[in-house]
Amino acid sequence: MVNESSMGEEKFFLTKKGFEELTRKLEYLKSVKRKEISEKIKRAIAFGDITENAEYNTAKDEQAFLESEIENLELELSHAEIIENVSLDTVKVGTKVTVKDPNSKRTVTFIITGRLESDPENHKISWASPIGEGLLDHKVNDTVAIKIPKGVVKFKIVKIEKGGD
């Protein structure tokens, strides 16, 4: 099984593209959003007494949330492990896997990602999700039964490809 922890230090698996996107987001938060919130605080202070100033309190809350988000992104990026040269023999983080429901014959393609890149609406699922974990380390033609909150689903793996950039 994949593990995003190593000797007590958490690792975050990312594709190269995912690392670049999170780095851009961090820079945006630090350069643009910080300035926007700073301006909101300055405007709120200009209204006078800050002890009962709703705009000031809201802006300070936004600032605290932003700083927390920046801190989390910095931590995650500093512990990121970029997934490259993924073997296509079995399902791994960084692969795209096409599965078929043996009952309905419907096919679905998932990209197996680290937790930070998951986007289930776009079929990017974390290796730590029930389906992601259930598919890990299986090969083409394997049929897997995966327990999900609504019961058990069965999938036959029909194709494994490179999944990320």
C-alpha atoms as a PDB file:
ATOM      1  CA  MET A   1       0.000   0.000   0.000  1.00  0.00           C
ATOM      2  CA  VAL A   2       1.122   3.557  -0.678  1.00  0.00           C
ATOM      3  CA  ASN A   3       2.041   5.630   2.333  1.00  0.00           C
ATOM      4  CA  GLU A   4       2.253   9.402   2.411  1.00  0.00           C
ATOM      5  CA  SER A   5       4.193   9.254   5.687  1.00  0.00           C
ATOM      6  CA  SER A   6       7.855   8.549   6.140  1.00  0.00           C
ATOM      7  CA  MET A   7       9.501   8.270   9.572  1.00  0.00           C
ATOM      8  CA  GLY A   8       6.885  10.539  11.146  1.00  0.00           C
ATOM      9  CA  GLU A   9       7.232  13.199   8.465  1.00  0.00           C
ATOM     10  CA  GLU A  10       4.213  13.413   6.211  1.00  0.00           C
ATOM     11  CA  LYS A  11       4.805  13.252   2.452  1.00  0.00           C
ATOM     12  CA  PHE A  12       2.329  14.573  -0.091  1.00  0.00           C
ATOM     13  CA  PHE A  13       2.353  12.880  -3.490  1.00  0.00           C
ATOM     14  CA  LEU A  14       1.930  15.288  -6.399  1.00  0.00           C
ATOM     15  CA  THR A  15       2.353  15.164 -10.127  1.00  0.00           C
ATOM     16  CA  LYS A  16       4.719  17.751 -11.577  1.00  0.00           C
ATOM     17  CA  LYS A  17       1.678  19.642 -12.897  1.00  0.00           C
ATOM     18  CA  GLY A  18      -0.014  19.526  -9.478  1.00  0.00           C
ATOM     19  CA  PHE A  19       3.138  20.825  -7.777  1.00  0.00           C
ATOM     20  CA  GLU A  20       3.324  23.712 -10.245  1.00  0.00           C
ATOM     21  CA  GLU A  21      -0.377  24.563  -9.761  1.00  0.00           C
ATOM     22  CA  LEU A  22      -0.059  24.618  -5.967  1.00  0.00           C
ATOM     23  CA  THR A  23       3.111  26.720  -6.213  1.00  0.00           C
ATOM     24  CA  ARG A  24       1.249  29.248  -8.400  1.00  0.00           C
ATOM     25  CA  LYS A  25      -1.661  29.276  -5.938  1.00  0.00           C
ATOM     26  CA  LEU A  26       0.723  29.916  -3.044  1.00  0.00           C
ATOM     27  CA  GLU A  27       2.363  32.820  -4.873  1.00  0.00           C
ATOM     28  CA  TYR A  28      -1.073  34.281  -5.685  1.00  0.00           C
ATOM     29  CA  LEU A  29      -2.159  34.064  -2.046  1.00  0.00           C
ATOM     30  CA  LYS A  30       1.066  35.645  -0.815  1.00  0.00           C
ATOM     31  CA  SER A  31       1.254  38.455  -3.357  1.00  0.00           C
ATOM     32  CA  VAL A  32      -2.310  39.298  -4.430  1.00  0.00           C
ATOM     33  CA  LYS A  33      -4.636  38.100  -1.648  1.00  0.00           C
ATOM     34  CA  ARG A  34      -2.434  39.401   1.167  1.00  0.00           C
ATOM     35  CA  LYS A  35      -2.476  42.870  -0.410  1.00  0.00           C
ATOM     36  CA  GLU A  36      -6.258  42.766  -0.927  1.00  0.00           C
ATOM     37  CA  ILE A  37      -6.893  41.857   2.701  1.00  0.00           C
ATOM     38  CA  SER A  38      -4.368  44.418   3.917  1.00  0.00           C
ATOM     39  CA  GLU A  39      -6.280  47.090   1.976  1.00  0.00           C
ATOM     40  CA  LYS A  40      -9.568  45.929   3.521  1.00  0.00           C
ATOM     41  CA  ILE A  41      -8.058  46.261   6.981  1.00  0.00           C
ATOM     42  CA  LYS A  42      -6.736  49.754   6.204  1.00  0.00           C
ATOM     43  CA  ARG A  43     -10.169  50.849   4.930  1.00  0.00           C
ATOM     44  CA  ALA A  44     -11.876  49.406   8.007  1.00  0.00           C
ATOM     45  CA  ILE A  45      -9.453  51.184  10.345  1.00  0.00           C
ATOM     46  CA  ALA A  46     -10.234  54.436   8.540  1.00  0.00           C
ATOM     47  CA  PHE A  47     -13.850  54.112   9.734  1.00  0.00           C
ATOM     48  CA  GLY A  48     -12.656  54.798  13.271  1.00  0.00           C
ATOM     49  CA  ASP A  49     -13.144  52.745  16.441  1.00  0.00           C
ATOM     50  CA  ILE A  50     -12.147  49.153  15.601  1.00  0.00           C
ATOM     51  CA  THR A  51     -13.634  47.606  18.753  1.00  0.00           C
ATOM     52  CA  GLU A  52     -17.132  47.488  17.229  1.00  0.00           C
ATOM     53  CA  ASN A  53     -16.198  47.611  13.549  1.00  0.00           C
ATOM     54  CA  ALA A  54     -17.713  44.669  11.625  1.00  0.00           C
ATOM     55  CA  GLU A  55     -15.634  45.359   8.487  1.00  0.00           C
ATOM     56  CA  TYR A  56     -12.443  45.292  10.538  1.00  0.00           C
ATOM     57  CA  ASN A  57     -13.412  42.061  12.310  1.00  0.00           C
ATOM     58  CA  THR A  58     -14.359  40.399   9.020  1.00  0.00           C
ATOM     59  CA  ALA A  59     -11.095  41.476   7.375  1.00  0.00           C
ATOM     60  CA  LYS A  60      -9.053  40.215  10.343  1.00  0.00           C
ATOM     61  CA  ASP A  61     -10.879  36.867  10.140  1.00  0.00           C
ATOM     62  CA  GLU A  62     -10.103  36.681   6.405  1.00  0.00           C
ATOM     63  CA  GLN A  63      -6.475  37.491   7.159  1.00  0.00           C
ATOM     64  CA  ALA A  64      -6.238  34.712   9.761  1.00  0.00           C
ATOM     65  CA  PHE A  65      -7.810  32.214   7.353  1.00  0.00           C
ATOM     66  CA  LEU A  66      -5.466  33.290   4.543  1.00  0.00           C
ATOM     67  CA  GLU A  67      -2.359  33.012   6.714  1.00  0.00           C
ATOM     68  CA  SER A  68      -3.442  29.537   7.795  1.00  0.00           C
ATOM     69  CA  GLU A  69      -3.966  28.518   4.159  1.00  0.00           C
ATOM     70  CA  ILE A  70      -0.544  29.900   3.196  1.00  0.00           C
ATOM     71  CA  GLU A  71       1.102  28.065   6.073  1.00  0.00           C
ATOM     72  CA  ASN A  72      -0.581  24.789   5.099  1.00  0.00           C
ATOM     73  CA  LEU A  73       0.418  25.133   1.441  1.00  0.00           C
ATOM     74  CA  GLU A  74       4.010  25.935   2.377  1.00  0.00           C
ATOM     75  CA  LEU A  75       4.131  22.865   4.604  1.00  0.00           C
ATOM     76  CA  GLU A  76       2.567  20.622   1.965  1.00  0.00           C
ATOM     77  CA  LEU A  77       4.875  21.863  -0.789  1.00  0.00           C
ATOM     78  CA  SER A  78       7.939  21.485   1.426  1.00  0.00           C
ATOM     79  CA  HIS A  79       6.984  17.834   1.975  1.00  0.00           C
ATOM     80  CA  ALA A  80       5.847  17.148  -1.585  1.00  0.00           C
ATOM     81  CA  GLU A  81       7.097  14.111  -3.427  1.00  0.00           C
ATOM     82  CA  ILE A  82       6.727  14.536  -7.166  1.00  0.00           C
ATOM     83  CA  ILE A  83       5.567  11.366  -8.881  1.00  0.00           C
ATOM     84  CA  GLU A  84       7.506  10.657 -12.061  1.00  0.00           C
ATOM     85  CA  ASN A  85       8.347   7.616 -14.177  1.00  0.00           C
ATOM     86  CA  VAL A  86       5.370   5.609 -12.980  1.00  0.00           C
ATOM     87  CA  SER A  87       5.369   1.909 -13.809  1.00  0.00           C
ATOM     88  CA  LEU A  88       2.291   0.894 -15.787  1.00  0.00           C
ATOM     89  CA  ASP A  89       2.336  -2.741 -14.635  1.00  0.00           C
ATOM     90  CA  THR A  90      -0.012  -2.038 -11.739  1.00  0.00           C
ATOM     91  CA  VAL A  91      -2.238   0.796 -10.543  1.00  0.00           C
ATOM     92  CA  LYS A  92      -0.126   3.358  -8.668  1.00  0.00           C
ATOM     93  CA  VAL A  93      -0.310   7.025  -7.738  1.00  0.00           C
ATOM     94  CA  GLY A  94       0.123   8.876 -11.021  1.00  0.00           C
ATOM     95  CA  THR A  95      -1.624   6.332 -13.234  1.00  0.00           C
ATOM     96  CA  LYS A  96      -4.842   6.600 -15.183  1.00  0.00           C
ATOM     97  CA  VAL A  97      -6.915   3.465 -14.818  1.00  0.00           C
ATOM     98  CA  THR A  98      -9.938   2.503 -16.882  1.00  0.00           C
ATOM     99  CA  VAL A  99     -12.311   0.102 -15.175  1.00  0.00           C
ATOM    100  CA  LYS A 100     -15.469  -1.670 -16.259  1.00  0.00           C
ATOM    101  CA  ASP A 101     -18.418  -2.561 -14.072  1.00  0.00           C
ATOM    102  CA  PRO A 102     -18.905  -6.279 -14.859  1.00  0.00           C
ATOM    103  CA  ASN A 103     -22.674  -5.985 -14.338  1.00  0.00           C
ATOM    104  CA  SER A 104     -23.508  -2.853 -16.316  1.00  0.00           C
ATOM    105  CA  LYS A 105     -20.521  -3.030 -18.707  1.00  0.00           C
ATOM    106  CA  ARG A 106     -20.122   0.739 -18.108  1.00  0.00           C
ATOM    107  CA  THR A 107     -16.520   1.983 -18.150  1.00  0.00           C
ATOM    108  CA  VAL A 108     -15.040   4.756 -16.035  1.00  0.00           C
ATOM    109  CA  THR A 109     -11.554   6.217 -16.070  1.00  0.00           C
ATOM    110  CA  PHE A 110      -9.890   7.459 -12.884  1.00  0.00           C
ATOM    111  CA  ILE A 111      -6.593   9.231 -12.365  1.00  0.00           C
ATOM    112  CA  ILE A 112      -5.033   8.100  -9.094  1.00  0.00           C
ATOM    113  CA  THR A 113      -3.570  11.113  -7.293  1.00  0.00           C
ATOM    114  CA  GLY A 114      -2.198  12.181  -3.965  1.00  0.00           C
ATOM    115  CA  ARG A 115      -4.673  13.710  -1.543  1.00  0.00           C
ATOM    116  CA  LEU A 116      -3.846  17.304  -2.512  1.00  0.00           C
ATOM    117  CA  GLU A 117      -4.719  16.817  -6.178  1.00  0.00           C
ATOM    118  CA  SER A 118      -7.906  14.810  -5.828  1.00  0.00           C
ATOM    119  CA  ASP A 119     -10.896  16.199  -7.695  1.00  0.00           C
ATOM    120  CA  PRO A 120     -13.591  13.499  -7.742  1.00  0.00           C
ATOM    121  CA  GLU A 121     -15.889  15.497 -10.048  1.00  0.00           C
ATOM    122  CA  ASN A 122     -13.161  15.237 -12.695  1.00  0.00           C
ATOM    123  CA  HIS A 123     -12.386  11.586 -11.897  1.00  0.00           C
ATOM    124  CA  LYS A 124      -9.130  12.445 -10.105  1.00  0.00           C
ATOM    125  CA  ILE A 125      -9.285  10.321  -6.983  1.00  0.00           C
ATOM    126  CA  SER A 126      -6.908  10.103  -4.062  1.00  0.00           C
ATOM    127  CA  TRP A 127      -5.063   6.875  -3.489  1.00  0.00           C
ATOM    128  CA  ALA A 128      -6.448   7.106   0.060  1.00  0.00           C
ATOM    129  CA  SER A 129     -10.101   7.111  -1.080  1.00  0.00           C
ATOM    130  CA  PRO A 130     -11.948   3.796  -0.894  1.00  0.00           C
ATOM    131  CA  ILE A 131     -11.886   3.313  -4.681  1.00  0.00           C
ATOM    132  CA  GLY A 132      -8.300   4.564  -5.048  1.00  0.00           C
ATOM    133  CA  GLU A 133      -7.046   2.307  -2.284  1.00  0.00           C
ATOM    134  CA  GLY A 134      -9.034  -0.627  -3.654  1.00  0.00           C
ATOM    135  CA  LEU A 135      -7.471  -0.276  -7.111  1.00  0.00           C
ATOM    136  CA  LEU A 136      -3.872   0.164  -5.943  1.00  0.00           C
ATOM    137  CA  ASP A 137      -1.375  -2.528  -6.898  1.00  0.00           C
ATOM    138  CA  HIS A 138      -3.829  -4.369  -9.152  1.00  0.00           C
ATOM    139  CA  LYS A 139      -3.132  -5.266 -12.797  1.00  0.00           C
ATOM    140  CA  VAL A 140      -5.038  -5.180 -16.062  1.00  0.00           C
ATOM    141  CA  ASN A 141      -7.748  -7.887 -16.105  1.00  0.00           C
ATOM    142  CA  ASP A 142      -7.932  -8.024 -12.289  1.00  0.00           C
ATOM    143  CA  THR A 143     -11.453  -7.790 -10.888  1.00  0.00           C
ATOM    144  CA  VAL A 144     -11.609  -6.009  -7.556  1.00  0.00           C
ATOM    145  CA  ALA A 145     -14.416  -5.678  -5.017  1.00  0.00           C
ATOM    146  CA  ILE A 146     -14.258  -2.368  -3.197  1.00  0.00           C
ATOM    147  CA  LYS A 147     -16.216  -1.437  -0.109  1.00  0.00           C
ATOM    148  CA  ILE A 148     -17.635   2.076  -0.376  1.00  0.00           C
ATOM    149  CA  PRO A 149     -20.117   3.838   1.929  1.00  0.00           C
ATOM    150  CA  LYS A 150     -23.069   2.653  -0.192  1.00  0.00           C
ATOM    151  CA  GLY A 151     -21.972  -0.988  -0.260  1.00  0.00           C
ATOM    152  CA  VAL A 152     -19.561  -2.942  -2.445  1.00  0.00           C
ATOM    153  CA  VAL A 153     -18.695  -2.172  -6.059  1.00  0.00           C
ATOM    154  CA  LYS A 154     -16.845  -4.468  -8.440  1.00  0.00           C
ATOM    155  CA  PHE A 155     -14.564  -3.266 -11.187  1.00  0.00           C
ATOM    156  CA  LYS A 156     -12.524  -5.057 -13.812  1.00  0.00           C
ATOM    157  CA  ILE A 157      -9.353  -3.166 -14.701  1.00  0.00           C
ATOM    158  CA  VAL A 158      -9.186  -2.835 -18.489  1.00  0.00           C
ATOM    159  CA  LYS A 159      -6.349  -0.332 -18.998  1.00  0.00           C
ATOM    160  CA  ILE A 160      -3.539   1.372 -17.055  1.00  0.00           C
ATOM    161  CA  GLU A 161      -1.881   4.451 -18.546  1.00  0.00           C
ATOM    162  CA  LYS A 162       0.311   7.362 -17.508  1.00  0.00           C
ATOM    163  CA  GLY A 163      -2.025   9.674 -15.618  1.00  0.00           C
ATOM    164  CA  GLY A 164      -0.373  12.983 -14.821  1.00  0.00           C
ATOM    165  CA  ASP A 165       1.870  15.541 -16.389  1.00  0.00           C
END
